[in-house]
Amino acid sequence: MAKHVFLTGPPGIGKTTLIQKATEALKTSGVPIDGFYTEEVREGGRRTGFDVVTLSGRRGILSRVRSGSSTARREYCVGQYVVDLPSFEQLVLPLLRNITKENRDSILQDVVTAAQNCLK
């Protein structure tokens, strides 16, 4: 039986809220889960980027709106957003490296939604 769910939809309909509530329900039920989701960051009512949040509660920058000034370091851009690759790698790569045949069905990811939102 498949245990993978891909959650997609337009911004603001509650995808992240659903992930958060499902995560809490699974943890409360004693189901071992691990993974991450993305959460938009707003300042003054305007979306300014996304954070990556692990299911253990660690948070880091995923992306922010590109500023007009250029930086000396190489930037990875998706649309108007600059992706903070070191932050993503520090938080998410250890989770992905720990995927085994036994635990792969318990990993929650909001990658599809993050990619859709960043490309808009």
N, C-alpha and C. Protein backbone atom coordinates (compact mmCIF):
# COMPACT_ATOMS: atom_id res chain seq x y z
N MET A 1 0.84 -1.18 0.00
CA MET A 1 0.00 0.00 0.00
C MET A 1 0.89 1.24 0.00
N ALA A 2 0.62 2.18 -0.90
CA ALA A 2 1.42 3.41 -1.00
C ALA A 2 1.17 4.31 0.20
N LYS A 3 2.26 4.92 0.67
CA LYS A 3 2.16 5.82 1.82
C LYS A 3 2.74 7.18 1.49
N HIS A 4 2.68 7.56 0.23
CA HIS A 4 3.21 8.85 -0.19
C HIS A 4 2.05 9.76 -0.56
N VAL A 5 2.15 11.00 -0.14
CA VAL A 5 1.13 11.98 -0.46
C VAL A 5 1.82 13.22 -1.01
N PHE A 6 1.37 13.69 -2.15
CA PHE A 6 1.87 14.93 -2.70
C PHE A 6 0.76 15.96 -2.57
N LEU A 7 1.06 17.01 -1.86
CA LEU A 7 0.07 18.04 -1.56
C LEU A 7 0.38 19.27 -2.40
N THR A 8 -0.54 19.61 -3.29
CA THR A 8 -0.34 20.78 -4.14
C THR A 8 -1.58 21.66 -4.09
N GLY A 9 -1.42 22.88 -4.53
CA GLY A 9 -2.54 23.81 -4.58
C GLY A 9 -2.06 25.23 -4.57
N PRO A 10 -2.96 26.14 -4.82
CA PRO A 10 -2.56 27.56 -4.86
C PRO A 10 -2.16 28.07 -3.47
N PRO A 11 -1.40 29.16 -3.44
CA PRO A 11 -0.98 29.74 -2.16
C PRO A 11 -2.18 30.11 -1.29
N GLY A 12 -2.02 29.90 0.01
CA GLY A 12 -3.02 30.37 0.97
C GLY A 12 -4.18 29.44 1.25
N ILE A 13 -4.15 28.20 0.74
CA ILE A 13 -5.30 27.33 0.99
C ILE A 13 -5.11 26.40 2.18
N GLY A 14 -3.90 26.43 2.80
CA GLY A 14 -3.70 25.67 4.01
C GLY A 14 -2.82 24.44 3.90
N LYS A 15 -1.98 24.36 2.87
CA LYS A 15 -1.11 23.20 2.71
C LYS A 15 -0.15 23.05 3.89
N THR A 16 0.50 24.13 4.27
CA THR A 16 1.45 24.08 5.39
C THR A 16 0.72 23.78 6.69
N THR A 17 -0.43 24.37 6.89
CA THR A 17 -1.22 24.10 8.10
C THR A 17 -1.59 22.62 8.17
N LEU A 18 -1.96 22.04 7.04
CA LEU A 18 -2.29 20.61 7.01
C LEU A 18 -1.07 19.76 7.37
N ILE A 19 0.08 20.10 6.82
CA ILE A 19 1.31 19.38 7.13
C ILE A 19 1.60 19.46 8.63
N GLN A 20 1.47 20.67 9.21
CA GLN A 20 1.73 20.86 10.63
C GLN A 20 0.77 20.03 11.49
N LYS A 21 -0.50 20.04 11.15
CA LYS A 21 -1.49 19.29 11.94
C LYS A 21 -1.30 17.78 11.78
N ALA A 22 -1.00 17.33 10.57
CA ALA A 22 -0.76 15.90 10.35
C ALA A 22 0.48 15.45 11.11
N THR A 23 1.51 16.28 11.10
CA THR A 23 2.74 15.97 11.83
C THR A 23 2.45 15.82 13.32
N GLU A 24 1.71 16.76 13.89
CA GLU A 24 1.39 16.71 15.31
C GLU A 24 0.55 15.47 15.64
N ALA A 25 -0.42 15.16 14.79
CA ALA A 25 -1.26 13.99 15.02
C ALA A 25 -0.44 12.70 14.97
N LEU A 26 0.47 12.61 14.02
CA LEU A 26 1.30 11.41 13.91
C LEU A 26 2.24 11.28 15.11
N LYS A 27 2.84 12.41 15.52
CA LYS A 27 3.73 12.38 16.69
C LYS A 27 2.96 11.98 17.94
N THR A 28 1.77 12.54 18.12
CA THR A 28 0.93 12.22 19.28
C THR A 28 0.55 10.75 19.29
N SER A 29 0.37 10.18 18.13
CA SER A 29 0.01 8.76 18.01
C SER A 29 1.21 7.83 18.15
N GLY A 30 2.39 8.41 18.30
CA GLY A 30 3.59 7.59 18.47
C GLY A 30 4.20 7.10 17.17
N VAL A 31 3.75 7.66 16.04
CA VAL A 31 4.31 7.25 14.76
C VAL A 31 5.65 7.96 14.57
N PRO A 32 6.73 7.21 14.31
CA PRO A 32 8.03 7.85 14.10
C PRO A 32 8.06 8.54 12.74
N ILE A 33 8.24 9.84 12.74
CA ILE A 33 8.31 10.59 11.49
C ILE A 33 9.50 11.53 11.53
N ASP A 34 9.94 11.88 10.37
CA ASP A 34 11.02 12.86 10.23
C ASP A 34 10.84 13.51 8.89
N GLY A 35 11.40 14.66 8.71
CA GLY A 35 11.29 15.34 7.44
C GLY A 35 11.29 16.83 7.63
N PHE A 36 10.71 17.52 6.67
CA PHE A 36 10.69 18.98 6.70
C PHE A 36 9.54 19.50 5.86
N TYR A 37 9.24 20.77 6.06
CA TYR A 37 8.29 21.47 5.21
C TYR A 37 8.80 22.89 5.04
N THR A 38 8.18 23.62 4.16
CA THR A 38 8.55 25.02 3.96
C THR A 38 7.42 25.91 4.45
N GLU A 39 7.81 27.09 4.89
CA GLU A 39 6.84 28.03 5.42
C GLU A 39 7.17 29.41 4.87
N GLU A 40 6.15 30.09 4.38
CA GLU A 40 6.43 31.42 3.83
C GLU A 40 6.76 32.40 4.95
N VAL A 41 7.57 33.39 4.60
CA VAL A 41 7.95 34.46 5.52
C VAL A 41 7.34 35.74 4.97
N ARG A 42 6.63 36.46 5.83
CA ARG A 42 5.99 37.72 5.42
C ARG A 42 6.49 38.87 6.28
N GLU A 43 6.65 39.99 5.65
CA GLU A 43 7.00 41.23 6.34
C GLU A 43 6.08 42.32 5.80
N GLY A 44 5.34 42.94 6.71
CA GLY A 44 4.41 43.99 6.28
C GLY A 44 3.35 43.49 5.33
N GLY A 45 2.90 42.24 5.51
CA GLY A 45 1.86 41.69 4.65
C GLY A 45 2.35 41.22 3.29
N ARG A 46 3.63 41.32 3.04
CA ARG A 46 4.21 40.94 1.74
C ARG A 46 5.12 39.73 1.92
N ARG A 47 4.99 38.74 1.04
CA ARG A 47 5.86 37.56 1.10
C ARG A 47 7.28 37.98 0.74
N THR A 48 8.21 37.67 1.63
CA THR A 48 9.61 38.03 1.39
C THR A 48 10.50 36.80 1.24
N GLY A 49 9.94 35.62 1.42
CA GLY A 49 10.74 34.42 1.24
C GLY A 49 10.10 33.22 1.87
N PHE A 50 10.94 32.19 2.04
CA PHE A 50 10.50 30.93 2.63
C PHE A 50 11.56 30.44 3.60
N ASP A 51 11.11 29.79 4.67
CA ASP A 51 12.00 29.09 5.60
C ASP A 51 11.78 27.60 5.43
N VAL A 52 12.79 26.82 5.74
CA VAL A 52 12.65 25.37 5.81
C VAL A 52 12.57 25.03 7.29
N VAL A 53 11.61 24.18 7.66
CA VAL A 53 11.39 23.81 9.05
C VAL A 53 11.42 22.29 9.15
N THR A 54 12.29 21.77 10.01
CA THR A 54 12.34 20.32 10.19
C THR A 54 11.25 19.91 11.17
N LEU A 55 10.86 18.66 11.12
CA LEU A 55 9.81 18.18 12.01
C LEU A 55 10.30 18.08 13.46
N SER A 56 11.62 18.23 13.65
CA SER A 56 12.15 18.30 15.02
C SER A 56 12.18 19.75 15.52
N GLY A 57 11.75 20.71 14.68
CA GLY A 57 11.63 22.09 15.11
C GLY A 57 12.76 23.02 14.72
N ARG A 58 13.77 22.53 14.02
CA ARG A 58 14.84 23.41 13.57
C ARG A 58 14.36 24.21 12.37
N ARG A 59 14.81 25.46 12.28
CA ARG A 59 14.36 26.36 11.22
C ARG A 59 15.56 27.05 10.59
N GLY A 60 15.47 27.25 9.29
CA GLY A 60 16.53 27.97 8.58
C GLY A 60 15.97 28.64 7.34
N ILE A 61 16.74 29.52 6.79
CA ILE A 61 16.32 30.25 5.58
C ILE A 61 16.39 29.31 4.38
N LEU A 62 15.32 29.29 3.61
CA LEU A 62 15.33 28.59 2.33
C LEU A 62 15.58 29.60 1.21
N SER A 63 14.83 30.71 1.24
CA SER A 63 15.00 31.73 0.21
C SER A 63 14.48 33.07 0.70
N ARG A 64 14.96 34.11 0.06
CA ARG A 64 14.49 35.46 0.32
C ARG A 64 14.41 36.19 -1.02
N VAL A 65 13.59 37.24 -1.05
CA VAL A 65 13.46 38.05 -2.26
C VAL A 65 14.82 38.64 -2.58
N ARG A 66 15.17 38.59 -3.84
CA ARG A 66 16.46 39.10 -4.30
C ARG A 66 16.52 40.62 -4.11
N SER A 67 17.63 41.08 -3.55
CA SER A 67 17.81 42.53 -3.40
C SER A 67 18.42 43.08 -4.67
N GLY A 68 18.35 44.39 -4.83
CA GLY A 68 18.88 45.02 -6.03
C GLY A 68 20.40 44.98 -6.11
N SER A 69 21.07 44.86 -4.98
CA SER A 69 22.53 44.85 -4.99
C SER A 69 23.05 43.44 -5.23
N SER A 70 24.17 43.36 -5.93
CA SER A 70 24.77 42.05 -6.16
C SER A 70 25.71 41.73 -5.01
N THR A 71 25.95 40.45 -4.82
CA THR A 71 26.85 40.02 -3.76
C THR A 71 28.06 39.34 -4.37
N ALA A 72 29.11 39.21 -3.59
CA ALA A 72 30.33 38.59 -4.08
C ALA A 72 30.19 37.09 -4.23
N ARG A 73 29.34 36.47 -3.39
CA ARG A 73 29.21 35.02 -3.48
C ARG A 73 28.22 34.63 -4.58
N ARG A 74 28.34 33.42 -5.02
CA ARG A 74 27.45 32.91 -6.07
C ARG A 74 26.04 32.78 -5.51
N GLU A 75 25.06 33.25 -6.24
CA GLU A 75 23.67 33.16 -5.81
C GLU A 75 22.92 32.16 -6.67
N TYR A 76 22.03 31.42 -6.04
CA TYR A 76 21.15 30.49 -6.73
C TYR A 76 19.76 31.10 -6.69
N CYS A 77 19.22 31.44 -7.84
CA CYS A 77 17.96 32.16 -7.91
C CYS A 77 16.87 31.32 -8.56
N VAL A 78 15.67 31.46 -8.02
CA VAL A 78 14.47 30.88 -8.61
C VAL A 78 13.46 32.02 -8.64
N GLY A 79 13.19 32.52 -9.85
CA GLY A 79 12.30 33.67 -9.96
C GLY A 79 12.89 34.85 -9.20
N GLN A 80 12.09 35.44 -8.34
CA GLN A 80 12.53 36.61 -7.58
C GLN A 80 13.28 36.24 -6.30
N TYR A 81 13.43 34.94 -6.04
CA TYR A 81 14.01 34.49 -4.78
C TYR A 81 15.45 34.02 -4.94
N VAL A 82 16.27 34.35 -3.93
CA VAL A 82 17.63 33.84 -3.83
C VAL A 82 17.58 32.69 -2.83
N VAL A 83 18.03 31.52 -3.26
CA VAL A 83 18.00 30.33 -2.42
C VAL A 83 19.26 30.31 -1.57
N ASP A 84 19.08 30.09 -0.27
CA ASP A 84 20.20 29.97 0.66
C ASP A 84 20.59 28.49 0.71
N LEU A 85 21.40 28.10 -0.25
CA LEU A 85 21.77 26.70 -0.39
C LEU A 85 22.49 26.14 0.85
N PRO A 86 23.44 26.87 1.44
CA PRO A 86 24.10 26.32 2.65
C PRO A 86 23.11 26.04 3.79
N SER A 87 22.15 26.92 4.01
CA SER A 87 21.15 26.72 5.06
C SER A 87 20.31 25.48 4.77
N PHE A 88 19.86 25.35 3.53
CA PHE A 88 19.06 24.19 3.13
C PHE A 88 19.86 22.90 3.31
N GLU A 89 21.10 22.92 2.83
CA GLU A 89 21.93 21.72 2.94
C GLU A 89 22.18 21.33 4.40
N GLN A 90 22.40 22.32 5.25
CA GLN A 90 22.69 22.04 6.66
C GLN A 90 21.49 21.38 7.35
N LEU A 91 20.28 21.84 7.03
CA LEU A 91 19.09 21.31 7.69
C LEU A 91 18.52 20.07 7.03
N VAL A 92 18.47 20.05 5.71
CA VAL A 92 17.74 19.00 5.01
C VAL A 92 18.59 17.81 4.58
N LEU A 93 19.83 18.06 4.16
CA LEU A 93 20.63 16.93 3.69
C LEU A 93 20.81 15.84 4.74
N PRO A 94 21.03 16.17 6.02
CA PRO A 94 21.11 15.08 7.01
C PRO A 94 19.83 14.25 7.07
N LEU A 95 18.68 14.88 6.89
CA LEU A 95 17.42 14.13 6.89
C LEU A 95 17.36 13.19 5.69
N LEU A 96 17.76 13.69 4.54
CA LEU A 96 17.70 12.88 3.32
C LEU A 96 18.73 11.75 3.36
N ARG A 97 19.87 12.00 4.00
CA ARG A 97 20.89 10.95 4.11
C ARG A 97 20.45 9.83 5.04
N ASN A 98 19.54 10.13 5.94
CA ASN A 98 19.08 9.12 6.90
C ASN A 98 17.90 8.30 6.40
N ILE A 99 17.51 8.50 5.15
CA ILE A 99 16.40 7.73 4.60
C ILE A 99 16.88 6.30 4.30
N THR A 100 16.15 5.37 4.82
CA THR A 100 16.44 3.96 4.56
C THR A 100 15.17 3.31 4.00
N LYS A 101 15.30 2.11 3.56
CA LYS A 101 14.14 1.38 3.06
C LYS A 101 13.07 1.27 4.14
N GLU A 102 13.53 1.13 5.40
CA GLU A 102 12.60 0.95 6.51
C GLU A 102 11.87 2.24 6.90
N ASN A 103 12.50 3.40 6.72
CA ASN A 103 11.85 4.64 7.19
C ASN A 103 11.41 5.58 6.08
N ARG A 104 11.62 5.21 4.83
CA ARG A 104 11.35 6.17 3.75
C ARG A 104 9.88 6.56 3.65
N ASP A 105 8.97 5.70 4.08
CA ASP A 105 7.55 6.03 3.99
C ASP A 105 7.10 7.00 5.08
N SER A 106 7.95 7.25 6.07
CA SER A 106 7.55 8.16 7.14
C SER A 106 8.15 9.55 6.99
N ILE A 107 8.73 9.85 5.84
CA ILE A 107 9.33 11.16 5.60
C ILE A 107 8.27 12.08 5.00
N LEU A 108 8.05 13.22 5.64
CA LEU A 108 7.13 14.22 5.10
C LEU A 108 7.94 15.31 4.41
N GLN A 109 7.55 15.68 3.22
CA GLN A 109 8.25 16.75 2.51
C GLN A 109 7.23 17.63 1.81
N ASP A 110 7.53 18.89 1.82
CA ASP A 110 6.69 19.87 1.15
C ASP A 110 7.44 20.45 -0.04
N VAL A 111 8.26 19.62 -0.68
CA VAL A 111 9.13 20.10 -1.74
C VAL A 111 8.34 20.55 -2.96
N VAL A 112 7.35 19.79 -3.34
CA VAL A 112 6.57 20.13 -4.52
C VAL A 112 5.94 21.51 -4.36
N THR A 113 5.38 21.76 -3.21
CA THR A 113 4.75 23.06 -2.93
C THR A 113 5.79 24.16 -2.95
N ALA A 114 6.94 23.93 -2.34
CA ALA A 114 7.99 24.95 -2.31
C ALA A 114 8.42 25.31 -3.72
N ALA A 115 8.60 24.30 -4.54
CA ALA A 115 9.03 24.53 -5.91
C ALA A 115 7.96 25.33 -6.67
N GLN A 116 6.70 24.96 -6.48
CA GLN A 116 5.62 25.68 -7.17
C GLN A 116 5.58 27.13 -6.72
N ASN A 117 5.69 27.37 -5.41
CA ASN A 117 5.61 28.74 -4.91
C ASN A 117 6.80 29.57 -5.35
N CYS A 118 7.98 29.00 -5.37
CA CYS A 118 9.17 29.75 -5.76
C CYS A 118 9.16 30.11 -7.24
N LEU A 119 8.54 29.27 -8.04
CA LEU A 119 8.52 29.52 -9.48
C LEU A 119 7.47 30.53 -9.89
N LYS A 120 6.57 30.89 -8.99
CA LYS A 120 5.53 31.86 -9.32
C LYS A 120 6.04 33.27 -9.23
